[in-house]
């Protein structure tokens, strides 16, 4: 197809729109993958924290530190991803737990 052909401009515009949409889709897919991975890692860290908390030798400082790691991980989950709502619930719980430890 040459620039003189009828419809050439429309084709070029459609290709540009396709490329833009493809870039958006890739960005969303990447955000989704990163969010899912961050949530998975945070859940693993929560399981570690639960084990740590069961040991009498674990200090409040160690628990607070682990909670902060969990908070940092959960804060990486972006709005609009499928993991976001669950991450926000866990984040709220982790922050509240950390506050309770700091008060005591």
PDB file of N, CA and C in Angstrom:
ATOM      1  N   UNK A   1       0.855  -1.167   0.000  1.00  0.00           N
ATOM      2  CA  UNK A   1       0.000   0.000   0.000  1.00  0.00           C
ATOM      3  C   UNK A   1       0.902   1.230   0.000  1.00  0.00           C
ATOM      4  N   UNK A   2       0.611   2.159  -0.827  1.00  0.00           N
ATOM      5  CA  UNK A   2       1.418   3.380  -0.921  1.00  0.00           C
ATOM      6  C   UNK A   2       0.633   4.563  -0.359  1.00  0.00           C
ATOM      7  N   UNK A   3       1.316   5.634  -0.017  1.00  0.00           N
ATOM      8  CA  UNK A   3       0.638   6.809   0.538  1.00  0.00           C
ATOM      9  C   UNK A   3      -0.442   7.383  -0.371  1.00  0.00           C
ATOM     10  N   UNK A   4      -0.386   7.090  -1.658  1.00  0.00           N
ATOM     11  CA  UNK A   4      -1.389   7.608  -2.577  1.00  0.00           C
ATOM     12  C   UNK A   4      -2.679   6.778  -2.600  1.00  0.00           C
ATOM     13  N   UNK A   5      -2.619   5.574  -2.092  1.00  0.00           N
ATOM     14  CA  UNK A   5      -3.784   4.690  -2.113  1.00  0.00           C
ATOM     15  C   UNK A   5      -4.897   5.212  -1.214  1.00  0.00           C
ATOM     16  N   UNK A   6      -6.132   4.974  -1.653  1.00  0.00           N
ATOM     17  CA  UNK A   6      -7.293   5.345  -0.845  1.00  0.00           C
ATOM     18  C   UNK A   6      -7.268   4.530   0.441  1.00  0.00           C
ATOM     19  N   UNK A   7      -7.513   5.175   1.541  1.00  0.00           N
ATOM     20  CA  UNK A   7      -7.548   4.470   2.821  1.00  0.00           C
ATOM     21  C   UNK A   7      -6.194   4.362   3.506  1.00  0.00           C
ATOM     22  N   UNK A   8      -5.146   4.844   2.883  1.00  0.00           N
ATOM     23  CA  UNK A   8      -3.796   4.738   3.458  1.00  0.00           C
ATOM     24  C   UNK A   8      -3.740   5.401   4.836  1.00  0.00           C
ATOM     25  N   UNK A   9      -4.281   6.596   4.935  1.00  0.00           N
ATOM     26  CA  UNK A   9      -4.252   7.334   6.200  1.00  0.00           C
ATOM     27  C   UNK A   9      -5.001   6.554   7.280  1.00  0.00           C
ATOM     28  N   UNK A  10      -6.130   5.978   6.908  1.00  0.00           N
ATOM     29  CA  UNK A  10      -6.894   5.182   7.877  1.00  0.00           C
ATOM     30  C   UNK A  10      -6.092   3.985   8.374  1.00  0.00           C
ATOM     31  N   UNK A  11      -5.397   3.336   7.476  1.00  0.00           N
ATOM     32  CA  UNK A  11      -4.580   2.175   7.846  1.00  0.00           C
ATOM     33  C   UNK A  11      -3.457   2.594   8.795  1.00  0.00           C
ATOM     34  N   UNK A  12      -2.797   3.683   8.475  1.00  0.00           N
ATOM     35  CA  UNK A  12      -1.706   4.174   9.325  1.00  0.00           C
ATOM     36  C   UNK A  12      -2.235   4.533  10.716  1.00  0.00           C
ATOM     37  N   UNK A  13      -3.399   5.176  10.774  1.00  0.00           N
ATOM     38  CA  UNK A  13      -4.008   5.519  12.060  1.00  0.00           C
ATOM     39  C   UNK A  13      -4.370   4.279  12.860  1.00  0.00           C
ATOM     40  N   UNK A  14      -4.901   3.267  12.182  1.00  0.00           N
ATOM     41  CA  UNK A  14      -5.269   2.015  12.866  1.00  0.00           C
ATOM     42  C   UNK A  14      -4.030   1.309  13.414  1.00  0.00           C
ATOM     43  N   UNK A  15      -2.961   1.328  12.654  1.00  0.00           N
ATOM     44  CA  UNK A  15      -1.714   0.707  13.121  1.00  0.00           C
ATOM     45  C   UNK A  15      -1.199   1.441  14.357  1.00  0.00           C
ATOM     46  N   UNK A  16      -1.235   2.762  14.331  1.00  0.00           N
ATOM     47  CA  UNK A  16      -0.790   3.556  15.482  1.00  0.00           C
ATOM     48  C   UNK A  16      -1.656   3.272  16.712  1.00  0.00           C
ATOM     49  N   UNK A  17      -2.963   3.181  16.504  1.00  0.00           N
ATOM     50  CA  UNK A  17      -3.883   2.879  17.606  1.00  0.00           C
ATOM     51  C   UNK A  17      -3.613   1.476  18.161  1.00  0.00           C
ATOM     52  N   UNK A  18      -3.381   0.534  17.278  1.00  0.00           N
ATOM     53  CA  UNK A  18      -3.076  -0.834  17.692  1.00  0.00           C
ATOM     54  C   UNK A  18      -1.802  -0.864  18.538  1.00  0.00           C
ATOM     55  N   UNK A  19      -0.766  -0.174  18.084  1.00  0.00           N
ATOM     56  CA  UNK A  19       0.503  -0.159  18.803  1.00  0.00           C
ATOM     57  C   UNK A  19       0.345   0.483  20.184  1.00  0.00           C
ATOM     58  N   UNK A  20      -0.446   1.544  20.245  1.00  0.00           N
ATOM     59  CA  UNK A  20      -0.714   2.201  21.531  1.00  0.00           C
ATOM     60  C   UNK A  20      -1.431   1.237  22.474  1.00  0.00           C
ATOM     61  N   UNK A  21      -2.470   0.588  21.969  1.00  0.00           N
ATOM     62  CA  UNK A  21      -3.240  -0.357  22.787  1.00  0.00           C
ATOM     63  C   UNK A  21      -2.389  -1.549  23.213  1.00  0.00           C
ATOM     64  N   UNK A  22      -1.517  -1.970  22.344  1.00  0.00           N
ATOM     65  CA  UNK A  22      -0.625  -3.084  22.671  1.00  0.00           C
ATOM     66  C   UNK A  22       0.308  -2.680  23.817  1.00  0.00           C
ATOM     67  N   UNK A  23       0.805  -1.471  23.779  1.00  0.00           N
ATOM     68  CA  UNK A  23       1.669  -0.977  24.858  1.00  0.00           C
ATOM     69  C   UNK A  23       0.929  -0.902  26.179  1.00  0.00           C
ATOM     70  N   UNK A  24      -0.311  -0.437  26.129  1.00  0.00           N
ATOM     71  CA  UNK A  24      -1.131  -0.368  27.341  1.00  0.00           C
ATOM     72  C   UNK A  24      -1.375  -1.769  27.895  1.00  0.00           C
ATOM     73  N   UNK A  25      -1.687  -2.706  27.019  1.00  0.00           N
ATOM     74  CA  UNK A  25      -1.937  -4.086  27.446  1.00  0.00           C
ATOM     75  C   UNK A  25      -0.701  -4.698  28.080  1.00  0.00           C
ATOM     76  N   UNK A  26       0.453  -4.440  27.492  1.00  0.00           N
ATOM     77  CA  UNK A  26       1.700  -4.965  28.067  1.00  0.00           C
ATOM     78  C   UNK A  26       1.964  -4.376  29.446  1.00  0.00           C
ATOM     79  N   UNK A  27       1.729  -3.078  29.595  1.00  0.00           N
ATOM     80  CA  UNK A  27       1.936  -2.430  30.891  1.00  0.00           C
ATOM     81  C   UNK A  27       0.994  -3.009  31.943  1.00  0.00           C
ATOM     82  N   UNK A  28      -0.253  -3.227  31.566  1.00  0.00           N
ATOM     83  CA  UNK A  28      -1.212  -3.815  32.514  1.00  0.00           C
ATOM     84  C   UNK A  28      -0.838  -5.238  32.881  1.00  0.00           C
ATOM     85  N   UNK A  29      -0.385  -6.005  31.892  1.00  0.00           N
ATOM     86  CA  UNK A  29       0.020  -7.377  32.154  1.00  0.00           C
ATOM     87  C   UNK A  29       1.212  -7.404  33.104  1.00  0.00           C
ATOM     88  N   UNK A  30       2.159  -6.510  32.886  1.00  0.00           N
ATOM     89  CA  UNK A  30       3.333  -6.438  33.765  1.00  0.00           C
ATOM     90  C   UNK A  30       2.922  -6.055  35.177  1.00  0.00           C
ATOM     91  N   UNK A  31       2.038  -5.059  35.313  1.00  0.00           N
ATOM     92  CA  UNK A  31       1.565  -4.641  36.627  1.00  0.00           C
ATOM     93  C   UNK A  31       0.835  -5.785  37.329  1.00  0.00           C
ATOM     94  N   UNK A  32       0.053  -6.533  36.576  1.00  0.00           N
ATOM     95  CA  UNK A  32      -0.680  -7.666  37.139  1.00  0.00           C
ATOM     96  C   UNK A  32       0.285  -8.746  37.639  1.00  0.00           C
ATOM     97  N   UNK A  33       1.290  -9.054  36.843  1.00  0.00           N
ATOM     98  CA  UNK A  33       2.277 -10.057  37.239  1.00  0.00           C
ATOM     99  C   UNK A  33       3.037  -9.610  38.487  1.00  0.00           C
ATOM    100  N   UNK A  34       3.450  -8.356  38.505  1.00  0.00           N
ATOM    101  CA  UNK A  34       4.190  -7.842  39.655  1.00  0.00           C
ATOM    102  C   UNK A  34       3.316  -7.836  40.908  1.00  0.00           C
ATOM    103  N   UNK A  35       2.051  -7.467  40.759  1.00  0.00           N
ATOM    104  CA  UNK A  35       1.137  -7.436  41.898  1.00  0.00           C
ATOM    105  C   UNK A  35       0.899  -8.837  42.447  1.00  0.00           C
ATOM    106  N   UNK A  36       0.690  -9.771  41.562  1.00  0.00           N
ATOM    107  CA  UNK A  36       0.463 -11.159  41.977  1.00  0.00           C
ATOM    108  C   UNK A  36       1.685 -11.704  42.703  1.00  0.00           C
ATOM    109  N   UNK A  37       2.859 -11.418  42.183  1.00  0.00           N
ATOM    110  CA  UNK A  37       4.100 -11.888  42.810  1.00  0.00           C
ATOM    111  C   UNK A  37       4.311 -11.229  44.169  1.00  0.00           C
ATOM    112  N   UNK A  38       4.064  -9.924  44.258  1.00  0.00           N
ATOM    113  CA  UNK A  38       4.229  -9.218  45.533  1.00  0.00           C
ATOM    114  C   UNK A  38       3.262  -9.766  46.579  1.00  0.00           C
ATOM    115  N   UNK A  39       2.028 -10.027  46.195  1.00  0.00           N
ATOM    116  CA  UNK A  39       1.049 -10.578  47.128  1.00  0.00           C
ATOM    117  C   UNK A  39       1.470 -11.973  47.586  1.00  0.00           C
ATOM    118  N   UNK A  40       1.935 -12.775  46.664  1.00  0.00           N
ATOM    119  CA  UNK A  40       2.398 -14.131  47.006  1.00  0.00           C
ATOM    120  C   UNK A  40       3.560 -14.062  47.997  1.00  0.00           C
ATOM    121  N   UNK A  41       4.518 -13.185  47.722  1.00  0.00           N
ATOM    122  CA  UNK A  41       5.669 -13.043  48.617  1.00  0.00           C
ATOM    123  C   UNK A  41       5.237 -12.528  49.989  1.00  0.00           C
ATOM    124  N   UNK A  42       4.300 -11.598  50.017  1.00  0.00           N
ATOM    125  CA  UNK A  42       3.811 -11.076  51.293  1.00  0.00           C
ATOM    126  C   UNK A  42       3.137 -12.174  52.104  1.00  0.00           C
ATOM    127  N   UNK A  43       2.368 -13.004  51.446  1.00  0.00           N
ATOM    128  CA  UNK A  43       1.714 -14.114  52.150  1.00  0.00           C
ATOM    129  C   UNK A  43       2.746 -15.088  52.721  1.00  0.00           C
ATOM    130  N   UNK A  44       3.806 -15.332  51.967  1.00  0.00           N
ATOM    131  CA  UNK A  44       4.880 -16.197  52.467  1.00  0.00           C
ATOM    132  C   UNK A  44       5.549 -15.556  53.682  1.00  0.00           C
ATOM    133  N   UNK A  45       5.726 -14.252  53.628  1.00  0.00           N
ATOM    134  CA  UNK A  45       6.328 -13.535  54.747  1.00  0.00           C
ATOM    135  C   UNK A  45       5.417 -13.569  55.976  1.00  0.00           C
ATOM    136  N   UNK A  46       4.116 -13.512  55.749  1.00  0.00           N
ATOM    137  CA  UNK A  46       3.159 -13.604  56.857  1.00  0.00           C
ATOM    138  C   UNK A  46       3.252 -14.972  57.508  1.00  0.00           C
ATOM    139  N   UNK A  47       3.387 -16.014  56.704  1.00  0.00           N
ATOM    140  CA  UNK A  47       3.551 -17.368  57.255  1.00  0.00           C
ATOM    141  C   UNK A  47       4.835 -17.449  58.088  1.00  0.00           C
ATOM    142  N   UNK A  48       5.907 -16.825  57.604  1.00  0.00           N
ATOM    143  CA  UNK A  48       7.162 -16.780  58.368  1.00  0.00           C
ATOM    144  C   UNK A  48       6.955 -16.041  59.687  1.00  0.00           C
ATOM    145  N   UNK A  49       6.231 -14.943  59.631  1.00  0.00           N
ATOM    146  CA  UNK A  49       5.962 -14.147  60.831  1.00  0.00           C
ATOM    147  C   UNK A  49       5.185 -14.966  61.854  1.00  0.00           C
ATOM    148  N   UNK A  50       4.216 -15.719  61.381  1.00  0.00           N
ATOM    149  CA  UNK A  50       3.436 -16.550  62.302  1.00  0.00           C
ATOM    150  C   UNK A  50       4.322 -17.578  62.995  1.00  0.00           C
ATOM    151  N   UNK A  51       5.254 -18.157  62.253  1.00  0.00           N
ATOM    152  CA  UNK A  51       6.198 -19.104  62.869  1.00  0.00           C
ATOM    153  C   UNK A  51       7.085 -18.390  63.869  1.00  0.00           C
ATOM    154  N   UNK A  52       7.612 -17.233  63.465  1.00  0.00           N
ATOM    155  CA  UNK A  52       8.484 -16.456  64.350  1.00  0.00           C
ATOM    156  C   UNK A  52       7.782 -16.127  65.664  1.00  0.00           C
ATOM    157  N   UNK A  53       6.521 -15.705  65.552  1.00  0.00           N
ATOM    158  CA  UNK A  53       5.771 -15.272  66.731  1.00  0.00           C
ATOM    159  C   UNK A  53       5.535 -16.415  67.713  1.00  0.00           C
ATOM    160  N   UNK A  54       5.583 -17.647  67.221  1.00  0.00           N
ATOM    161  CA  UNK A  54       5.347 -18.792  68.104  1.00  0.00           C
ATOM    162  C   UNK A  54       6.585 -19.162  68.924  1.00  0.00           C
ATOM    163  N   UNK A  55       7.738 -18.630  68.556  1.00  0.00           N
ATOM    164  CA  UNK A  55       8.972 -18.913  69.294  1.00  0.00           C
ATOM    165  C   UNK A  55       9.120 -17.933  70.453  1.00  0.00           C
ATOM    166  N   UNK A  56       9.342 -18.457  71.653  1.00  0.00           N
ATOM    167  CA  UNK A  56       9.484 -17.567  72.818  1.00  0.00           C
ATOM    168  C   UNK A  56      10.678 -16.605  72.702  1.00  0.00           C
ATOM    169  N   UNK A  57      11.677 -16.975  71.944  1.00  0.00           N
ATOM    170  CA  UNK A  57      12.882 -16.145  71.854  1.00  0.00           C
ATOM    171  C   UNK A  57      12.732 -14.973  70.874  1.00  0.00           C
ATOM    172  N   UNK A  58      11.646 -14.929  70.131  1.00  0.00           N
ATOM    173  CA  UNK A  58      11.439 -13.857  69.159  1.00  0.00           C
ATOM    174  C   UNK A  58      11.113 -12.557  69.891  1.00  0.00           C
ATOM    175  N   UNK A  59      11.831 -11.508  69.526  1.00  0.00           N
ATOM    176  CA  UNK A  59      11.622 -10.212  70.183  1.00  0.00           C
ATOM    177  C   UNK A  59      10.552  -9.394  69.453  1.00  0.00           C
ATOM    178  N   UNK A  60      10.038  -8.424  70.168  1.00  0.00           N
ATOM    179  CA  UNK A  60       9.073  -7.505  69.569  1.00  0.00           C
ATOM    180  C   UNK A  60       9.708  -6.768  68.394  1.00  0.00           C
ATOM    181  N   UNK A  61      10.964  -6.427  68.520  1.00  0.00           N
ATOM    182  CA  UNK A  61      11.677  -5.746  67.443  1.00  0.00           C
ATOM    183  C   UNK A  61      11.747  -6.583  66.180  1.00  0.00           C
ATOM    184  N   UNK A  62      11.968  -7.875  66.334  1.00  0.00           N
ATOM    185  CA  UNK A  62      12.023  -8.766  65.173  1.00  0.00           C
ATOM    186  C   UNK A  62      10.655  -8.859  64.486  1.00  0.00           C
ATOM    187  N   UNK A  63       9.621  -8.929  65.296  1.00  0.00           N
ATOM    188  CA  UNK A  63       8.269  -8.998  64.738  1.00  0.00           C
ATOM    189  C   UNK A  63       7.919  -7.686  64.032  1.00  0.00           C
ATOM    190  N   UNK A  64       8.246  -6.569  64.665  1.00  0.00           N
ATOM    191  CA  UNK A  64       7.989  -5.257  64.060  1.00  0.00           C
ATOM    192  C   UNK A  64       8.736  -5.115  62.742  1.00  0.00           C
ATOM    193  N   UNK A  65       9.967  -5.577  62.715  1.00  0.00           N
ATOM    194  CA  UNK A  65      10.776  -5.512  61.496  1.00  0.00           C
ATOM    195  C   UNK A  65      10.160  -6.347  60.376  1.00  0.00           C
ATOM    196  N   UNK A  66       9.708  -7.542  60.713  1.00  0.00           N
ATOM    197  CA  UNK A  66       9.080  -8.408  59.718  1.00  0.00           C
ATOM    198  C   UNK A  66       7.764  -7.804  59.233  1.00  0.00           C
ATOM    199  N   UNK A  67       7.016  -7.205  60.125  1.00  0.00           N
ATOM    200  CA  UNK A  67       5.787  -6.531  59.719  1.00  0.00           C
ATOM    201  C   UNK A  67       6.088  -5.398  58.743  1.00  0.00           C
ATOM    202  N   UNK A  68       7.172  -4.667  58.983  1.00  0.00           N
ATOM    203  CA  UNK A  68       7.529  -3.583  58.075  1.00  0.00           C
ATOM    204  C   UNK A  68       7.904  -4.127  56.696  1.00  0.00           C
ATOM    205  N   UNK A  69       8.593  -5.248  56.661  1.00  0.00           N
ATOM    206  CA  UNK A  69       8.918  -5.886  55.379  1.00  0.00           C
ATOM    207  C   UNK A  69       7.636  -6.268  54.631  1.00  0.00           C
ATOM    208  N   UNK A  70       6.684  -6.796  55.366  1.00  0.00           N
ATOM    209  CA  UNK A  70       5.401  -7.188  54.769  1.00  0.00           C
ATOM    210  C   UNK A  70       4.673  -5.949  54.236  1.00  0.00           C
ATOM    211  N   UNK A  71       4.652  -4.892  55.022  1.00  0.00           N
ATOM    212  CA  UNK A  71       4.014  -3.643  54.604  1.00  0.00           C
ATOM    213  C   UNK A  71       4.663  -3.121  53.325  1.00  0.00           C
ATOM    214  N   UNK A  72       5.984  -3.104  53.300  1.00  0.00           N
ATOM    215  CA  UNK A  72       6.698  -2.615  52.109  1.00  0.00           C
ATOM    216  C   UNK A  72       6.338  -3.440  50.872  1.00  0.00           C
ATOM    217  N   UNK A  73       6.233  -4.741  51.050  1.00  0.00           N
ATOM    218  CA  UNK A  73       5.904  -5.622  49.925  1.00  0.00           C
ATOM    219  C   UNK A  73       4.469  -5.365  49.450  1.00  0.00           C
ATOM    220  N   UNK A  74       3.541  -5.249  50.378  1.00  0.00           N
ATOM    221  CA  UNK A  74       2.135  -5.038  50.017  1.00  0.00           C
ATOM    222  C   UNK A  74       1.905  -3.675  49.371  1.00  0.00           C
ATOM    223  N   UNK A  75       2.694  -2.695  49.740  1.00  0.00           N
ATOM    224  CA  UNK A  75       2.556  -1.362  49.146  1.00  0.00           C
ATOM    225  C   UNK A  75       2.951  -1.349  47.672  1.00  0.00           C
ATOM    226  N   UNK A  76       3.614  -2.373  47.201  1.00  0.00           N
ATOM    227  CA  UNK A  76       4.009  -2.467  45.797  1.00  0.00           C
ATOM    228  C   UNK A  76       2.855  -2.907  44.889  1.00  0.00           C
ATOM    229  N   UNK A  77       1.787  -3.411  45.482  1.00  0.00           N
ATOM    230  CA  UNK A  77       0.641  -3.877  44.698  1.00  0.00           C
ATOM    231  C   UNK A  77      -0.133  -2.654  44.203  1.00  0.00           C
ATOM    232  N   UNK A  78      -0.221  -2.512  42.899  1.00  0.00           N
ATOM    233  CA  UNK A  78      -0.824  -1.321  42.297  1.00  0.00           C
ATOM    234  C   UNK A  78      -2.341  -1.402  42.230  1.00  0.00           C
ATOM    235  N   UNK A  79      -2.946  -0.216  42.310  1.00  0.00           N
ATOM    236  CA  UNK A  79      -4.390  -0.078  42.136  1.00  0.00           C
ATOM    237  C   UNK A  79      -4.805  -0.620  40.774  1.00  0.00           C
ATOM    238  N   UNK A  80      -5.943  -1.258  40.725  1.00  0.00           N
ATOM    239  CA  UNK A  80      -6.464  -1.758  39.455  1.00  0.00           C
ATOM    240  C   UNK A  80      -6.069  -3.185  39.136  1.00  0.00           C
ATOM    241  N   UNK A  81      -5.202  -3.778  39.944  1.00  0.00           N
ATOM    242  CA  UNK A  81      -4.825  -5.174  39.719  1.00  0.00           C
ATOM    243  C   UNK A  81      -5.771  -6.084  40.507  1.00  0.00           C
ATOM    244  N   UNK A  82      -5.821  -7.332  40.100  1.00  0.00           N
ATOM    245  CA  UNK A  82      -6.719  -8.270  40.780  1.00  0.00           C
ATOM    246  C   UNK A  82      -6.267  -8.547  42.215  1.00  0.00           C
ATOM    247  N   UNK A  83      -5.010  -8.327  42.516  1.00  0.00           N
ATOM    248  CA  UNK A  83      -4.477  -8.582  43.859  1.00  0.00           C
ATOM    249  C   UNK A  83      -4.677  -7.396  44.798  1.00  0.00           C
ATOM    250  N   UNK A  84      -5.098  -6.270  44.268  1.00  0.00           N
ATOM    251  CA  UNK A  84      -5.123  -5.024  45.037  1.00  0.00           C
ATOM    252  C   UNK A  84      -5.994  -5.097  46.288  1.00  0.00           C
ATOM    253  N   UNK A  85      -7.225  -5.559  46.166  1.00  0.00           N
ATOM    254  CA  UNK A  85      -8.145  -5.558  47.302  1.00  0.00           C
ATOM    255  C   UNK A  85      -7.613  -6.448  48.427  1.00  0.00           C
ATOM    256  N   UNK A  86      -7.166  -7.625  48.073  1.00  0.00           N
ATOM    257  CA  UNK A  86      -6.622  -8.535  49.096  1.00  0.00           C
ATOM    258  C   UNK A  86      -5.376  -7.930  49.728  1.00  0.00           C
ATOM    259  N   UNK A  87      -4.529  -7.328  48.918  1.00  0.00           N
ATOM    260  CA  UNK A  87      -3.317  -6.699  49.442  1.00  0.00           C
ATOM    261  C   UNK A  87      -3.659  -5.567  50.403  1.00  0.00           C
ATOM    262  N   UNK A  88      -4.680  -4.785  50.077  1.00  0.00           N
ATOM    263  CA  UNK A  88      -5.086  -3.683  50.953  1.00  0.00           C
ATOM    264  C   UNK A  88      -5.608  -4.201  52.288  1.00  0.00           C
ATOM    265  N   UNK A  89      -6.347  -5.303  52.266  1.00  0.00           N
ATOM    266  CA  UNK A  89      -6.838  -5.900  53.514  1.00  0.00           C
ATOM    267  C   UNK A  89      -5.678  -6.381  54.382  1.00  0.00           C
ATOM    268  N   UNK A  90      -4.717  -7.052  53.752  1.00  0.00           N
ATOM    269  CA  UNK A  90      -3.548  -7.518  54.496  1.00  0.00           C
ATOM    270  C   UNK A  90      -2.700  -6.350  54.984  1.00  0.00           C
ATOM    271  N   UNK A  91      -2.601  -5.325  54.173  1.00  0.00           N
ATOM    272  CA  UNK A  91      -1.833  -4.137  54.537  1.00  0.00           C
ATOM    273  C   UNK A  91      -2.443  -3.462  55.766  1.00  0.00           C
ATOM    274  N   UNK A  92      -3.744  -3.345  55.781  1.00  0.00           N
ATOM    275  CA  UNK A  92      -4.439  -2.755  56.935  1.00  0.00           C
ATOM    276  C   UNK A  92      -4.149  -3.570  58.200  1.00  0.00           C
ATOM    277  N   UNK A  93      -4.257  -4.876  58.081  1.00  0.00           N
ATOM    278  CA  UNK A  93      -3.994  -5.752  59.223  1.00  0.00           C
ATOM    279  C   UNK A  93      -2.546  -5.617  59.704  1.00  0.00           C
ATOM    280  N   UNK A  94      -1.601  -5.582  58.768  1.00  0.00           N
ATOM    281  CA  UNK A  94      -0.188  -5.481  59.128  1.00  0.00           C
ATOM    282  C   UNK A  94       0.108  -4.150  59.814  1.00  0.00           C
ATOM    283  N   UNK A  95      -0.454  -3.073  59.302  1.00  0.00           N
ATOM    284  CA  UNK A  95      -0.241  -1.753  59.920  1.00  0.00           C
ATOM    285  C   UNK A  95      -0.838  -1.687  61.318  1.00  0.00           C
ATOM    286  N   UNK A  96      -2.043  -2.233  61.477  1.00  0.00           N
ATOM    287  CA  UNK A  96      -2.679  -2.244  62.790  1.00  0.00           C
ATOM    288  C   UNK A  96      -1.867  -3.080  63.775  1.00  0.00           C
ATOM    289  N   UNK A  97      -1.367  -4.216  63.311  1.00  0.00           N
ATOM    290  CA  UNK A  97      -0.549  -5.084  64.172  1.00  0.00           C
ATOM    291  C   UNK A  97       0.731  -4.358  64.596  1.00  0.00           C
ATOM    292  N   UNK A  98       1.330  -3.675  63.638  1.00  0.00           N
ATOM    293  CA  UNK A  98       2.564  -2.936  63.936  1.00  0.00           C
ATOM    294  C   UNK A  98       2.295  -1.817  64.941  1.00  0.00           C
ATOM    295  N   UNK A  99       1.193  -1.119  64.794  1.00  0.00           N
ATOM    296  CA  UNK A  99       0.834  -0.048  65.729  1.00  0.00           C
ATOM    297  C   UNK A  99       0.624  -0.600  67.141  1.00  0.00           C
ATOM    298  N   UNK A 100      -0.061  -1.731  67.233  1.00  0.00           N
ATOM    299  CA  UNK A 100      -0.298  -2.346  68.537  1.00  0.00           C
ATOM    300  C   UNK A 100       1.017  -2.694  69.226  1.00  0.00           C
ATOM    301  N   UNK A 101       1.985  -3.189  68.459  1.00  0.00           N
ATOM    302  CA  UNK A 101       3.272  -3.530  69.035  1.00  0.00           C
ATOM    303  C   UNK A 101       4.038  -2.283  69.492  1.00  0.00           C
ATOM    304  N   UNK A 102       3.906  -1.211  68.746  1.00  0.00           N
ATOM    305  CA  UNK A 102       4.617   0.020  69.096  1.00  0.00           C
ATOM    306  C   UNK A 102       4.018   0.699  70.308  1.00  0.00           C
ATOM    307  N   UNK A 103       2.729   0.504  70.533  1.00  0.00           N
ATOM    308  CA  UNK A 103       2.062   1.092  71.697  1.00  0.00           C
ATOM    309  C   UNK A 103       2.486   0.363  72.969  1.00  0.00           C
ATOM    310  N   UNK A 104       2.649  -0.951  72.871  1.00  0.00           N
ATOM    311  CA  UNK A 104       2.988  -1.766  74.054  1.00  0.00           C
ATOM    312  C   UNK A 104       4.409  -1.653  74.426  1.00  0.00           C
TER     313      UNK A 104
END
